[in-house]
Amino acid sequence: LNSLPITLLKIDKSFVGGMEQREENRKLVHAMINLAHNLHLEVVAEGVETPEQLELLRGFGCDQVQGYLISRPLPLAELVEYLTFGASQQSLVEAI
């Protein structure tokens, strides 16, 4: 991995999806994140669908997440609106 021209390691949703039920998946995801960070790579986990998965990944030091918990896939116009207004509205909703 260290000799390849990459800067990001993406963890497949099949590993993330099983973290809550399987200790082996939790350990594997944690190990992948540690390995990537030791190689100075950023880590993105895909397929995050529950707050519990997000908390585990935060605890493991995962750099980025993507999945339905954050947002469904959006057409470009809706993505721009979400990035412009969605984050501030999301913060408002969480504050309430």
Protein backbone atom coordinates (compact mmCIF):
# COMPACT_ATOMS: atom_id res chain seq x y z
CA LEU A 1 0.00 0.00 0.00
CA ASN A 2 2.76 2.42 0.90
CA SER A 3 4.35 2.25 -2.57
CA LEU A 4 1.09 2.99 -4.43
CA PRO A 5 0.12 6.58 -5.34
CA ILE A 6 -2.95 6.66 -3.07
CA THR A 7 -3.98 9.04 -0.30
CA LEU A 8 -7.28 7.52 0.79
CA LEU A 9 -8.45 4.10 1.93
CA LYS A 10 -12.15 3.34 1.51
CA ILE A 11 -13.72 0.74 3.79
CA ASP A 12 -16.48 -1.20 2.07
CA LYS A 13 -20.00 -1.13 3.48
CA SER A 14 -19.93 -4.91 3.94
CA PHE A 15 -17.45 -4.41 6.80
CA VAL A 16 -19.23 -1.36 8.24
CA GLY A 17 -22.66 -3.00 8.10
CA GLY A 18 -21.61 -5.89 10.29
CA MET A 19 -19.84 -3.89 13.00
CA GLU A 20 -22.78 -3.74 15.39
CA GLN A 21 -23.41 -7.48 15.39
CA ARG A 22 -19.94 -8.94 14.87
CA GLU A 23 -16.95 -8.22 17.06
CA GLU A 24 -14.71 -9.51 14.24
CA ASN A 25 -15.98 -6.75 11.94
CA ARG A 26 -15.39 -4.09 14.61
CA LYS A 27 -11.83 -5.31 15.14
CA LEU A 28 -11.17 -5.51 11.41
CA VAL A 29 -12.48 -2.01 10.71
CA HIS A 30 -10.48 -0.62 13.65
CA ALA A 31 -7.34 -2.37 12.37
CA MET A 32 -7.88 -1.05 8.83
CA ILE A 33 -8.21 2.50 10.12
CA ASN A 34 -5.05 2.15 12.24
CA LEU A 35 -3.10 0.65 9.33
CA ALA A 36 -4.21 3.41 6.97
CA HIS A 37 -3.29 6.14 9.46
CA ASN A 38 0.12 4.53 10.06
CA LEU A 39 0.66 4.80 6.28
CA HIS A 40 -0.48 8.45 6.35
CA LEU A 41 -3.69 7.70 4.46
CA GLU A 42 -7.09 9.17 5.16
CA VAL A 43 -9.99 6.77 5.68
CA VAL A 44 -13.56 6.96 4.43
CA ALA A 45 -16.12 4.37 5.53
CA GLU A 46 -19.04 3.77 3.22
CA GLY A 47 -22.50 2.47 4.00
CA VAL A 48 -23.00 4.18 7.35
CA GLU A 49 -26.68 3.74 8.14
CA THR A 50 -27.02 3.96 11.93
CA PRO A 51 -25.91 6.37 14.65
CA GLU A 52 -24.21 3.41 16.38
CA GLN A 53 -22.02 2.75 13.34
CA LEU A 54 -21.12 6.44 13.17
CA GLU A 55 -20.15 6.49 16.85
CA LEU A 56 -17.97 3.39 16.47
CA LEU A 57 -16.22 4.91 13.45
CA ARG A 58 -15.68 8.20 15.29
CA GLY A 59 -14.21 6.27 18.20
CA PHE A 60 -11.85 4.49 15.81
CA GLY A 61 -10.70 7.83 14.35
CA CYS A 62 -12.26 7.40 10.91
CA ASP A 63 -11.72 10.58 8.87
CA GLN A 64 -14.84 10.57 6.70
CA VAL A 65 -18.10 8.65 6.35
CA GLN A 66 -20.72 8.30 3.70
CA GLY A 67 -24.05 6.57 3.71
CA TYR A 68 -27.78 6.97 4.10
CA LEU A 69 -27.38 8.22 7.66
CA ILE A 70 -25.77 11.35 6.20
CA SER A 71 -27.83 11.63 3.00
CA ARG A 72 -29.23 9.56 0.18
CA PRO A 73 -27.53 10.07 -3.22
CA LEU A 74 -28.59 13.47 -4.57
CA PRO A 75 -28.82 15.00 -8.04
CA LEU A 76 -26.41 17.91 -8.50
CA ALA A 77 -28.98 20.67 -7.90
CA GLU A 78 -30.17 19.06 -4.65
CA LEU A 79 -26.58 18.46 -3.58
CA VAL A 80 -25.75 22.15 -3.97
CA GLU A 81 -28.84 23.06 -1.94
CA TYR A 82 -27.94 20.51 0.74
CA LEU A 83 -24.38 21.79 0.97
CA THR A 84 -25.53 25.39 1.03
CA PHE A 85 -28.49 25.17 3.39
CA GLY A 86 -28.76 21.57 4.63
CA ALA A 87 -25.85 21.61 7.04
CA SER A 88 -27.09 24.71 8.86
CA GLN A 89 -30.66 23.39 8.97
CA GLN A 90 -29.38 20.03 10.22
CA SER A 91 -27.55 21.81 13.06
CA LEU A 92 -30.72 23.70 13.93
CA VAL A 93 -32.76 20.49 14.05
CA GLU A 94 -30.14 18.78 16.26
CA ALA A 95 -30.14 21.75 18.63
CA ILE A 96 -33.90 21.42 19.13
